């Protein structure tokens, strides 16, 4: 596990998800996603703006982690109006084979 630190000093909270085991190449466990979903819901209730950047995309973990985290947030409080900004960096490039350009 990579080092983790939490310092809340403003209205904006910024998360960078690089992968828990292999940098950029590992997905998050259910327990970790639940932990972060609970934090995000509580912070949003306090008026915070949460930014989550997923860089663990070598094996497309980022896409699935985003979907699962978003689903957990919705389950935590179905009536809660939240906005979770998600940016996925370093997406794998698609092959440039002619059949893919149609």
Protein backbone atom coordinates (compact mmCIF):
# COMPACT_ATOMS: atom_id res chain seq x y z
CA UNK A 1 0.00 0.00 0.00
CA UNK A 2 1.24 3.45 -0.88
CA UNK A 3 1.47 6.22 1.73
CA UNK A 4 -1.81 7.97 2.55
CA UNK A 5 -2.27 11.34 4.18
CA UNK A 6 -5.38 13.38 4.80
CA UNK A 7 -5.24 17.15 5.32
CA UNK A 8 -8.50 19.05 4.89
CA UNK A 9 -7.67 22.73 4.61
CA UNK A 10 -10.33 24.10 2.27
CA UNK A 11 -13.74 23.48 0.73
CA UNK A 12 -12.19 21.37 -2.05
CA UNK A 13 -11.02 17.83 -1.36
CA UNK A 14 -8.76 16.22 -3.95
CA UNK A 15 -8.16 12.47 -4.24
CA UNK A 16 -5.62 10.84 -6.48
CA UNK A 17 -6.20 7.10 -6.96
CA UNK A 18 -3.05 5.52 -8.44
CA UNK A 19 -3.84 1.93 -7.44
CA UNK A 20 -3.30 0.29 -4.06
CA UNK A 21 -0.74 -2.40 -4.92
CA UNK A 22 0.83 -1.81 -8.33
CA UNK A 23 1.21 1.83 -9.31
CA UNK A 24 -1.33 2.64 -12.08
CA UNK A 25 -2.08 -1.07 -12.55
CA UNK A 26 -4.22 -2.32 -9.66
CA UNK A 27 -7.85 -1.97 -8.60
CA UNK A 28 -9.35 -1.10 -5.23
CA UNK A 29 -10.99 -3.64 -2.92
CA UNK A 30 -14.65 -3.45 -1.92
CA UNK A 31 -13.61 -2.42 1.60
CA UNK A 32 -11.48 0.47 0.32
CA UNK A 33 -14.23 1.68 -2.02
CA UNK A 34 -16.75 1.58 0.86
CA UNK A 35 -14.32 3.53 3.05
CA UNK A 36 -13.90 6.26 0.44
CA UNK A 37 -17.64 6.35 -0.39
CA UNK A 38 -18.46 6.95 3.29
CA UNK A 39 -15.89 9.74 3.51
CA UNK A 40 -17.13 11.39 0.31
CA UNK A 41 -20.79 11.31 1.44
CA UNK A 42 -19.90 12.82 4.83
CA UNK A 43 -17.75 15.54 3.28
CA UNK A 44 -20.45 16.40 0.74
CA UNK A 45 -22.98 16.73 3.57
CA UNK A 46 -20.60 19.27 5.13
CA UNK A 47 -20.55 21.29 1.90
CA UNK A 48 -17.22 20.09 0.56
CA UNK A 49 -16.48 19.67 -3.15
CA UNK A 50 -14.81 16.32 -3.83
CA UNK A 51 -12.54 15.73 -6.80
CA UNK A 52 -11.47 12.15 -7.54
CA UNK A 53 -8.79 11.44 -10.13
CA UNK A 54 -8.30 7.81 -11.12
CA UNK A 55 -4.93 7.00 -12.67
CA UNK A 56 -5.02 3.22 -12.14
CA UNK A 57 -5.92 2.56 -15.74
CA UNK A 58 -3.21 0.25 -17.08
CA UNK A 59 -5.67 -2.67 -17.02
CA UNK A 60 -8.81 -0.45 -17.14
CA UNK A 61 -9.21 -0.60 -13.34
CA UNK A 62 -10.03 3.12 -13.28
CA UNK A 63 -13.25 2.76 -15.24
CA UNK A 64 -14.59 -0.02 -13.02
CA UNK A 65 -13.44 1.67 -9.79
CA UNK A 66 -15.24 4.88 -10.82
CA UNK A 67 -18.47 3.02 -11.57
CA UNK A 68 -18.34 1.03 -8.33
CA UNK A 69 -17.46 4.05 -6.18
CA UNK A 70 -20.26 6.10 -7.73
CA UNK A 71 -22.72 3.25 -7.10
CA UNK A 72 -21.65 2.99 -3.46
CA UNK A 73 -22.11 6.73 -2.97
CA UNK A 74 -25.64 6.47 -4.37
CA UNK A 75 -26.40 3.53 -2.05
CA UNK A 76 -25.10 5.38 1.01
CA UNK A 77 -27.69 8.08 0.62
CA UNK A 78 -30.15 7.70 -2.25
CA UNK A 79 -31.72 11.11 -1.69
CA UNK A 80 -28.44 12.97 -1.28
CA UNK A 81 -27.65 15.33 -4.14
CA UNK A 82 -23.98 14.86 -4.84
CA UNK A 83 -21.53 15.75 -7.55
CA UNK A 84 -18.41 13.66 -7.83
CA UNK A 85 -16.03 14.95 -10.42
CA UNK A 86 -14.11 12.16 -12.02
CA UNK A 87 -11.26 12.54 -14.42
CA UNK A 88 -9.55 9.49 -15.80
CA UNK A 89 -6.00 10.20 -16.90
CA UNK A 90 -3.69 8.16 -19.07
CA UNK A 91 -6.36 6.19 -20.90
CA UNK A 92 -4.86 3.49 -23.10
CA UNK A 93 -4.57 4.50 -26.73
CA UNK A 94 -6.73 2.70 -29.23
CA UNK A 95 -4.99 0.90 -32.07
CA UNK A 96 -4.78 2.89 -35.30
CA UNK A 97 -5.66 -0.02 -37.53
CA UNK A 98 -7.79 1.08 -40.56
CA UNK A 99 -10.78 -1.02 -39.47
CA UNK A 100 -10.93 1.02 -36.22
CA UNK A 101 -11.15 4.30 -38.14
CA UNK A 102 -14.54 3.63 -39.76
